Amino acid sequence: MIDALSASAIGIPVRDRDELGRGAEAPGNVLLPARATGLPKPSVANASQIVALHRSARTERAGRLSGSNLELALAGIDVVPGRG
């Protein structure tokens, strides 16, 4: 069981802020400036759509979150079920 867990990762989808429109402001979503992620456009971490992934499914890194933005994204997960 431990081997199966270590092969898994939790993913928070990140989408282009402009594609989401007004949905970008939904509870649990975290607005991420392009400078903060290294992505070409402002983005949104969509904490309401977290997914479990097998680590082998990862391909390449598109950007990176700072510790403070990661904390915001993780806090967004608590907001979705009404805990935050």
PDB file of N, CA and C in Angstrom:
ATOM      1  N   MET A   1       0.816  -1.191   0.000  1.00  0.00           N
ATOM      2  CA  MET A   1       0.000   0.000   0.000  1.00  0.00           C
ATOM      3  C   MET A   1       0.862   1.257   0.000  1.00  0.00           C
ATOM      4  N   ILE A   2       1.940   1.269   0.750  1.00  0.00           N
ATOM      5  CA  ILE A   2       2.801   2.440   0.802  1.00  0.00           C
ATOM      6  C   ILE A   2       3.418   2.721  -0.560  1.00  0.00           C
ATOM      7  N   ASP A   3       3.822   1.665  -1.301  1.00  0.00           N
ATOM      8  CA  ASP A   3       4.390   1.881  -2.629  1.00  0.00           C
ATOM      9  C   ASP A   3       3.388   2.532  -3.565  1.00  0.00           C
ATOM     10  N   ALA A   4       2.130   2.134  -3.485  1.00  0.00           N
ATOM     11  CA  ALA A   4       1.103   2.726  -4.340  1.00  0.00           C
ATOM     12  C   ALA A   4       0.903   4.197  -4.004  1.00  0.00           C
ATOM     13  N   LEU A   5       0.948   4.549  -2.722  1.00  0.00           N
ATOM     14  CA  LEU A   5       0.774   5.943  -2.334  1.00  0.00           C
ATOM     15  C   LEU A   5       1.951   6.799  -2.767  1.00  0.00           C
ATOM     16  N   SER A   6       3.146   6.267  -2.679  1.00  0.00           N
ATOM     17  CA  SER A   6       4.309   7.064  -3.055  1.00  0.00           C
ATOM     18  C   SER A   6       4.377   7.300  -4.556  1.00  0.00           C
ATOM     19  N   ALA A   7       3.658   6.500  -5.331  1.00  0.00           N
ATOM     20  CA  ALA A   7       3.637   6.672  -6.781  1.00  0.00           C
ATOM     21  C   ALA A   7       2.573   7.680  -7.208  1.00  0.00           C
ATOM     22  N   SER A   8       1.803   8.207  -6.253  1.00  0.00           N
ATOM     23  CA  SER A   8       0.718   9.137  -6.574  1.00  0.00           C
ATOM     24  C   SER A   8       1.081  10.558  -6.179  1.00  0.00           C
ATOM     25  N   ALA A   9       0.459  11.490  -6.860  1.00  0.00           N
ATOM     26  CA  ALA A   9       0.618  12.908  -6.544  1.00  0.00           C
ATOM     27  C   ALA A   9      -0.744  13.577  -6.691  1.00  0.00           C
ATOM     28  N   ILE A  10      -0.923  14.655  -5.977  1.00  0.00           N
ATOM     29  CA  ILE A  10      -2.150  15.445  -6.081  1.00  0.00           C
ATOM     30  C   ILE A  10      -1.869  16.619  -7.006  1.00  0.00           C
ATOM     31  N   GLY A  11      -2.777  16.859  -7.933  1.00  0.00           N
ATOM     32  CA  GLY A  11      -2.623  17.972  -8.860  1.00  0.00           C
ATOM     33  C   GLY A  11      -3.751  18.971  -8.702  1.00  0.00           C
ATOM     34  N   ILE A  12      -3.409  20.243  -8.778  1.00  0.00           N
ATOM     35  CA  ILE A  12      -4.404  21.310  -8.805  1.00  0.00           C
ATOM     36  C   ILE A  12      -4.332  21.921 -10.196  1.00  0.00           C
ATOM     37  N   PRO A  13      -5.382  21.759 -10.990  1.00  0.00           N
ATOM     38  CA  PRO A  13      -5.339  22.310 -12.349  1.00  0.00           C
ATOM     39  C   PRO A  13      -5.129  23.825 -12.338  1.00  0.00           C
ATOM     40  N   VAL A  14      -4.293  24.283 -13.235  1.00  0.00           N
ATOM     41  CA  VAL A  14      -4.043  25.710 -13.410  1.00  0.00           C
ATOM     42  C   VAL A  14      -4.489  26.076 -14.813  1.00  0.00           C
ATOM     43  N   ARG A  15      -5.364  27.070 -14.889  1.00  0.00           N
ATOM     44  CA  ARG A  15      -5.922  27.478 -16.181  1.00  0.00           C
ATOM     45  C   ARG A  15      -5.637  28.939 -16.443  1.00  0.00           C
ATOM     46  N   ASP A  16      -5.702  29.287 -17.703  1.00  0.00           N
ATOM     47  CA  ASP A  16      -5.564  30.675 -18.134  1.00  0.00           C
ATOM     48  C   ASP A  16      -6.708  31.481 -17.514  1.00  0.00           C
ATOM     49  N   ARG A  17      -6.372  32.546 -16.847  1.00  0.00           N
ATOM     50  CA  ARG A  17      -7.379  33.371 -16.169  1.00  0.00           C
ATOM     51  C   ARG A  17      -8.424  33.902 -17.143  1.00  0.00           C
ATOM     52  N   ASP A  18      -8.007  34.289 -18.335  1.00  0.00           N
ATOM     53  CA  ASP A  18      -8.947  34.835 -19.321  1.00  0.00           C
ATOM     54  C   ASP A  18      -9.949  33.788 -19.798  1.00  0.00           C
ATOM     55  N   GLU A  19      -9.547  32.529 -19.865  1.00  0.00           N
ATOM     56  CA  GLU A  19     -10.457  31.463 -20.295  1.00  0.00           C
ATOM     57  C   GLU A  19     -11.585  31.255 -19.289  1.00  0.00           C
ATOM     58  N   LEU A  20     -11.298  31.465 -18.013  1.00  0.00           N
ATOM     59  CA  LEU A  20     -12.309  31.240 -16.981  1.00  0.00           C
ATOM     60  C   LEU A  20     -13.286  32.395 -16.842  1.00  0.00           C
ATOM     61  N   GLY A  21     -12.887  33.582 -17.287  1.00  0.00           N
ATOM     62  CA  GLY A  21     -13.766  34.748 -17.174  1.00  0.00           C
ATOM     63  C   GLY A  21     -14.153  34.994 -15.731  1.00  0.00           C
ATOM     64  N   ARG A  22     -15.431  35.179 -15.481  1.00  0.00           N
ATOM     65  CA  ARG A  22     -15.907  35.456 -14.123  1.00  0.00           C
ATOM     66  C   ARG A  22     -15.729  34.265 -13.203  1.00  0.00           C
ATOM     67  N   GLY A  23     -15.604  33.076 -13.759  1.00  0.00           N
ATOM     68  CA  GLY A  23     -15.393  31.873 -12.951  1.00  0.00           C
ATOM     69  C   GLY A  23     -14.067  31.881 -12.216  1.00  0.00           C
ATOM     70  N   ALA A  24     -13.162  32.744 -12.646  1.00  0.00           N
ATOM     71  CA  ALA A  24     -11.856  32.835 -11.990  1.00  0.00           C
ATOM     72  C   ALA A  24     -11.996  33.280 -10.539  1.00  0.00           C
ATOM     73  N   GLU A  25     -13.080  33.958 -10.218  1.00  0.00           N
ATOM     74  CA  GLU A  25     -13.282  34.484  -8.869  1.00  0.00           C
ATOM     75  C   GLU A  25     -14.047  33.515  -7.974  1.00  0.00           C
ATOM     76  N   ALA A  26     -14.305  32.287  -8.432  1.00  0.00           N
ATOM     77  CA  ALA A  26     -15.077  31.313  -7.659  1.00  0.00           C
ATOM     78  C   ALA A  26     -14.371  30.961  -6.351  1.00  0.00           C
ATOM     79  N   PRO A  27     -15.127  30.597  -5.325  1.00  0.00           N
ATOM     80  CA  PRO A  27     -14.522  30.222  -4.046  1.00  0.00           C
ATOM     81  C   PRO A  27     -13.499  29.097  -4.219  1.00  0.00           C
ATOM     82  N   GLY A  28     -12.367  29.261  -3.587  1.00  0.00           N
ATOM     83  CA  GLY A  28     -11.316  28.251  -3.660  1.00  0.00           C
ATOM     84  C   GLY A  28     -10.312  28.481  -4.763  1.00  0.00           C
ATOM     85  N   ASN A  29     -10.668  29.273  -5.763  1.00  0.00           N
ATOM     86  CA  ASN A  29      -9.721  29.560  -6.833  1.00  0.00           C
ATOM     87  C   ASN A  29      -8.682  30.566  -6.342  1.00  0.00           C
ATOM     88  N   VAL A  30      -7.462  30.408  -6.821  1.00  0.00           N
ATOM     89  CA  VAL A  30      -6.377  31.300  -6.422  1.00  0.00           C
ATOM     90  C   VAL A  30      -5.826  31.961  -7.678  1.00  0.00           C
ATOM     91  N   LEU A  31      -5.895  33.293  -7.711  1.00  0.00           N
ATOM     92  CA  LEU A  31      -5.371  34.039  -8.851  1.00  0.00           C
ATOM     93  C   LEU A  31      -3.846  34.067  -8.763  1.00  0.00           C
ATOM     94  N   LEU A  32      -3.194  33.749  -9.871  1.00  0.00           N
ATOM     95  CA  LEU A  32      -1.737  33.671  -9.915  1.00  0.00           C
ATOM     96  C   LEU A  32      -1.203  34.575 -11.019  1.00  0.00           C
ATOM     97  N   PRO A  33      -0.500  35.638 -10.667  1.00  0.00           N
ATOM     98  CA  PRO A  33       0.099  36.502 -11.688  1.00  0.00           C
ATOM     99  C   PRO A  33       1.144  35.725 -12.490  1.00  0.00           C
ATOM    100  N   ALA A  34       1.329  36.070 -13.737  1.00  0.00           N
ATOM    101  CA  ALA A  34       2.293  35.377 -14.598  1.00  0.00           C
ATOM    102  C   ALA A  34       3.690  35.406 -13.979  1.00  0.00           C
ATOM    103  N   ARG A  35       4.063  36.522 -13.399  1.00  0.00           N
ATOM    104  CA  ARG A  35       5.395  36.623 -12.773  1.00  0.00           C
ATOM    105  C   ARG A  35       5.581  35.633 -11.643  1.00  0.00           C
ATOM    106  N   ALA A  36       4.499  35.286 -10.962  1.00  0.00           N
ATOM    107  CA  ALA A  36       4.593  34.385  -9.809  1.00  0.00           C
ATOM    108  C   ALA A  36       4.763  32.927 -10.217  1.00  0.00           C
ATOM    109  N   THR A  37       4.399  32.590 -11.441  1.00  0.00           N
ATOM    110  CA  THR A  37       4.423  31.183 -11.869  1.00  0.00           C
ATOM    111  C   THR A  37       5.436  30.880 -12.956  1.00  0.00           C
ATOM    112  N   GLY A  38       5.831  31.897 -13.703  1.00  0.00           N
ATOM    113  CA  GLY A  38       6.685  31.659 -14.859  1.00  0.00           C
ATOM    114  C   GLY A  38       5.885  31.284 -16.093  1.00  0.00           C
ATOM    115  N   LEU A  39       4.563  31.301 -15.989  1.00  0.00           N
ATOM    116  CA  LEU A  39       3.700  31.028 -17.138  1.00  0.00           C
ATOM    117  C   LEU A  39       3.535  32.299 -17.957  1.00  0.00           C
ATOM    118  N   PRO A  40       3.157  32.181 -19.232  1.00  0.00           N
ATOM    119  CA  PRO A  40       3.075  33.371 -20.081  1.00  0.00           C
ATOM    120  C   PRO A  40       1.911  34.311 -19.765  1.00  0.00           C
ATOM    121  N   LYS A  41       0.878  33.825 -19.084  1.00  0.00           N
ATOM    122  CA  LYS A  41      -0.303  34.640 -18.805  1.00  0.00           C
ATOM    123  C   LYS A  41      -0.718  34.489 -17.345  1.00  0.00           C
ATOM    124  N   PRO A  42      -1.493  35.455 -16.823  1.00  0.00           N
ATOM    125  CA  PRO A  42      -2.065  35.272 -15.487  1.00  0.00           C
ATOM    126  C   PRO A  42      -2.928  34.012 -15.473  1.00  0.00           C
ATOM    127  N   SER A  43      -2.880  33.288 -14.379  1.00  0.00           N
ATOM    128  CA  SER A  43      -3.559  31.998 -14.301  1.00  0.00           C
ATOM    129  C   SER A  43      -4.385  31.890 -13.030  1.00  0.00           C
ATOM    130  N   VAL A  44      -5.132  30.794 -12.946  1.00  0.00           N
ATOM    131  CA  VAL A  44      -5.956  30.495 -11.781  1.00  0.00           C
ATOM    132  C   VAL A  44      -5.719  29.045 -11.386  1.00  0.00           C
ATOM    133  N   ALA A  45      -5.384  28.826 -10.111  1.00  0.00           N
ATOM    134  CA  ALA A  45      -5.331  27.469  -9.570  1.00  0.00           C
ATOM    135  C   ALA A  45      -6.759  27.116  -9.170  1.00  0.00           C
ATOM    136  N   ASN A  46      -7.311  26.095  -9.787  1.00  0.00           N
ATOM    137  CA  ASN A  46      -8.712  25.728  -9.596  1.00  0.00           C
ATOM    138  C   ASN A  46      -8.816  24.609  -8.564  1.00  0.00           C
ATOM    139  N   ALA A  47      -8.888  24.992  -7.294  1.00  0.00           N
ATOM    140  CA  ALA A  47      -8.858  24.026  -6.196  1.00  0.00           C
ATOM    141  C   ALA A  47     -10.110  23.154  -6.125  1.00  0.00           C
ATOM    142  N   SER A  48     -11.165  23.523  -6.832  1.00  0.00           N
ATOM    143  CA  SER A  48     -12.375  22.695  -6.801  1.00  0.00           C
ATOM    144  C   SER A  48     -12.263  21.484  -7.724  1.00  0.00           C
ATOM    145  N   GLN A  49     -11.174  21.386  -8.482  1.00  0.00           N
ATOM    146  CA  GLN A  49     -11.019  20.272  -9.424  1.00  0.00           C
ATOM    147  C   GLN A  49      -9.705  19.528  -9.206  1.00  0.00           C
ATOM    148  N   ILE A  50      -9.331  19.309  -7.927  1.00  0.00           N
ATOM    149  CA  ILE A  50      -8.089  18.597  -7.665  1.00  0.00           C
ATOM    150  C   ILE A  50      -8.188  17.173  -8.205  1.00  0.00           C
ATOM    151  N   VAL A  51      -7.057  16.622  -8.580  1.00  0.00           N
ATOM    152  CA  VAL A  51      -7.009  15.281  -9.160  1.00  0.00           C
ATOM    153  C   VAL A  51      -5.852  14.494  -8.552  1.00  0.00           C
ATOM    154  N   ALA A  52      -5.995  13.191  -8.546  1.00  0.00           N
ATOM    155  CA  ALA A  52      -4.897  12.309  -8.157  1.00  0.00           C
ATOM    156  C   ALA A  52      -4.247  11.803  -9.436  1.00  0.00           C
ATOM    157  N   LEU A  53      -2.937  11.859  -9.479  1.00  0.00           N
ATOM    158  CA  LEU A  53      -2.193  11.451 -10.670  1.00  0.00           C
ATOM    159  C   LEU A  53      -1.118  10.443 -10.300  1.00  0.00           C
ATOM    160  N   HIS A  54      -0.872   9.518 -11.183  1.00  0.00           N
ATOM    161  CA  HIS A  54       0.293   8.660 -11.020  1.00  0.00           C
ATOM    162  C   HIS A  54       1.497   9.481 -11.437  1.00  0.00           C
ATOM    163  N   ARG A  55       2.563   9.409 -10.667  1.00  0.00           N
ATOM    164  CA  ARG A  55       3.736  10.243 -10.942  1.00  0.00           C
ATOM    165  C   ARG A  55       4.290  10.030 -12.355  1.00  0.00           C
ATOM    166  N   SER A  56       4.105   8.857 -12.925  1.00  0.00           N
ATOM    167  CA  SER A  56       4.627   8.609 -14.275  1.00  0.00           C
ATOM    168  C   SER A  56       3.833   9.368 -15.337  1.00  0.00           C
ATOM    169  N   ALA A  57       2.643   9.895 -14.991  1.00  0.00           N
ATOM    170  CA  ALA A  57       1.822  10.636 -15.952  1.00  0.00           C
ATOM    171  C   ALA A  57       2.325  12.063 -16.146  1.00  0.00           C
ATOM    172  N   ARG A  58       3.175  12.533 -15.250  1.00  0.00           N
ATOM    173  CA  ARG A  58       3.714  13.888 -15.403  1.00  0.00           C
ATOM    174  C   ARG A  58       4.642  13.921 -16.605  1.00  0.00           C
ATOM    175  N   THR A  59       4.588  14.998 -17.335  1.00  0.00           N
ATOM    176  CA  THR A  59       5.439  15.115 -18.515  1.00  0.00           C
ATOM    177  C   THR A  59       6.516  16.163 -18.297  1.00  0.00           C
ATOM    178  N   GLU A  60       6.155  17.420 -18.342  1.00  0.00           N
ATOM    179  CA  GLU A  60       7.144  18.471 -18.145  1.00  0.00           C
ATOM    180  C   GLU A  60       6.568  19.559 -17.257  1.00  0.00           C
ATOM    181  N   ARG A  61       7.425  20.284 -16.615  1.00  0.00           N
ATOM    182  CA  ARG A  61       6.992  21.364 -15.736  1.00  0.00           C
ATOM    183  C   ARG A  61       6.690  22.596 -16.580  1.00  0.00           C
ATOM    184  N   ALA A  62       5.503  23.146 -16.396  1.00  0.00           N
ATOM    185  CA  ALA A  62       5.106  24.330 -17.156  1.00  0.00           C
ATOM    186  C   ALA A  62       5.436  25.614 -16.404  1.00  0.00           C
ATOM    187  N   GLY A  63       5.440  25.539 -15.092  1.00  0.00           N
ATOM    188  CA  GLY A  63       5.706  26.705 -14.264  1.00  0.00           C
ATOM    189  C   GLY A  63       6.016  26.245 -12.855  1.00  0.00           C
ATOM    190  N   ARG A  64       6.104  27.190 -11.957  1.00  0.00           N
ATOM    191  CA  ARG A  64       6.455  26.855 -10.579  1.00  0.00           C
ATOM    192  C   ARG A  64       5.750  27.835  -9.645  1.00  0.00           C
ATOM    193  N   LEU A  65       5.289  27.331  -8.495  1.00  0.00           N
ATOM    194  CA  LEU A  65       4.669  28.189  -7.489  1.00  0.00           C
ATOM    195  C   LEU A  65       5.644  28.441  -6.350  1.00  0.00           C
ATOM    196  N   SER A  66       5.633  29.656  -5.858  1.00  0.00           N
ATOM    197  CA  SER A  66       6.408  29.964  -4.658  1.00  0.00           C
ATOM    198  C   SER A  66       5.728  29.296  -3.471  1.00  0.00           C
ATOM    199  N   GLY A  67       6.419  29.240  -2.369  1.00  0.00           N
ATOM    200  CA  GLY A  67       5.836  28.644  -1.169  1.00  0.00           C
ATOM    201  C   GLY A  67       4.560  29.342  -0.738  1.00  0.00           C
ATOM    202  N   SER A  68       4.541  30.682  -0.811  1.00  0.00           N
ATOM    203  CA  SER A  68       3.347  31.416  -0.379  1.00  0.00           C
ATOM    204  C   SER A  68       2.166  31.171  -1.314  1.00  0.00           C
ATOM    205  N   ASN A  69       2.412  31.093  -2.631  1.00  0.00           N
ATOM    206  CA  ASN A  69       1.316  30.812  -3.561  1.00  0.00           C
ATOM    207  C   ASN A  69       0.851  29.366  -3.436  1.00  0.00           C
ATOM    208  N   LEU A  70       1.761  28.459  -3.135  1.00  0.00           N
ATOM    209  CA  LEU A  70       1.360  27.067  -2.898  1.00  0.00           C
ATOM    210  C   LEU A  70       0.465  26.995  -1.667  1.00  0.00           C
ATOM    211  N   GLU A  71       0.817  27.724  -0.624  1.00  0.00           N
ATOM    212  CA  GLU A  71      -0.024  27.753   0.579  1.00  0.00           C
ATOM    213  C   GLU A  71      -1.421  28.285   0.258  1.00  0.00           C
ATOM    214  N   LEU A  72      -1.510  29.327  -0.579  1.00  0.00           N
ATOM    215  CA  LEU A  72      -2.816  29.859  -0.986  1.00  0.00           C
ATOM    216  C   LEU A  72      -3.620  28.815  -1.748  1.00  0.00           C
ATOM    217  N   ALA A  73      -2.957  28.095  -2.658  1.00  0.00           N
ATOM    218  CA  ALA A  73      -3.646  27.065  -3.428  1.00  0.00           C
ATOM    219  C   ALA A  73      -4.136  25.951  -2.517  1.00  0.00           C
ATOM    220  N   LEU A  74      -3.320  25.544  -1.563  1.00  0.00           N
ATOM    221  CA  LEU A  74      -3.734  24.497  -0.627  1.00  0.00           C
ATOM    222  C   LEU A  74      -4.873  24.983   0.267  1.00  0.00           C
ATOM    223  N   ALA A  75      -4.842  26.247   0.665  1.00  0.00           N
ATOM    224  CA  ALA A  75      -5.937  26.816   1.455  1.00  0.00           C
ATOM    225  C   ALA A  75      -7.218  26.852   0.632  1.00  0.00           C
ATOM    226  N   GLY A  76      -7.086  27.032  -0.680  1.00  0.00           N
ATOM    227  CA  GLY A  76      -8.257  27.023  -1.560  1.00  0.00           C
ATOM    228  C   GLY A  76      -8.985  25.699  -1.524  1.00  0.00           C
ATOM    229  N   ILE A  77      -8.250  24.613  -1.305  1.00  0.00           N
ATOM    230  CA  ILE A  77      -8.882  23.295  -1.202  1.00  0.00           C
ATOM    231  C   ILE A  77      -9.823  23.258  -0.001  1.00  0.00           C
ATOM    232  N   ASP A  78      -9.443  23.899   1.092  1.00  0.00           N
ATOM    233  CA  ASP A  78     -10.300  23.926   2.275  1.00  0.00           C
ATOM    234  C   ASP A  78     -11.547  24.776   2.072  1.00  0.00           C
ATOM    235  N   VAL A  79     -11.473  25.770   1.201  1.00  0.00           N
ATOM    236  CA  VAL A  79     -12.626  26.644   0.967  1.00  0.00           C
ATOM    237  C   VAL A  79     -13.728  25.912   0.217  1.00  0.00           C
ATOM    238  N   VAL A  80     -13.352  25.026  -0.691  1.00  0.00           N
ATOM    239  CA  VAL A  80     -14.349  24.364  -1.544  1.00  0.00           C
ATOM    240  C   VAL A  80     -15.406  23.622  -0.733  1.00  0.00           C
ATOM    241  N   PRO A  81     -15.053  22.767   0.244  1.00  0.00           N
ATOM    242  CA  PRO A  81     -16.113  22.100   1.009  1.00  0.00           C
ATOM    243  C   PRO A  81     -16.689  22.959   2.121  1.00  0.00           C
ATOM    244  N   GLY A  82     -16.252  24.224   2.209  1.00  0.00           N
ATOM    245  CA  GLY A  82     -16.792  25.139   3.202  1.00  0.00           C
ATOM    246  C   GLY A  82     -16.039  25.121   4.513  1.00  0.00           C
ATOM    247  N   ARG A  83     -14.832  24.574   4.527  1.00  0.00           N
ATOM    248  CA  ARG A  83     -14.062  24.505   5.763  1.00  0.00           C
ATOM    249  C   ARG A  83     -13.251  25.760   6.012  1.00  0.00           C
ATOM    250  N   GLY A  84     -12.976  26.548   4.950  1.00  0.00           N
ATOM    251  CA  GLY A  84     -12.070  27.691   5.117  1.00  0.00           C
ATOM    252  C   GLY A  84     -12.749  28.997   5.353  1.00  0.00           C
TER     253      GLY A  84
END
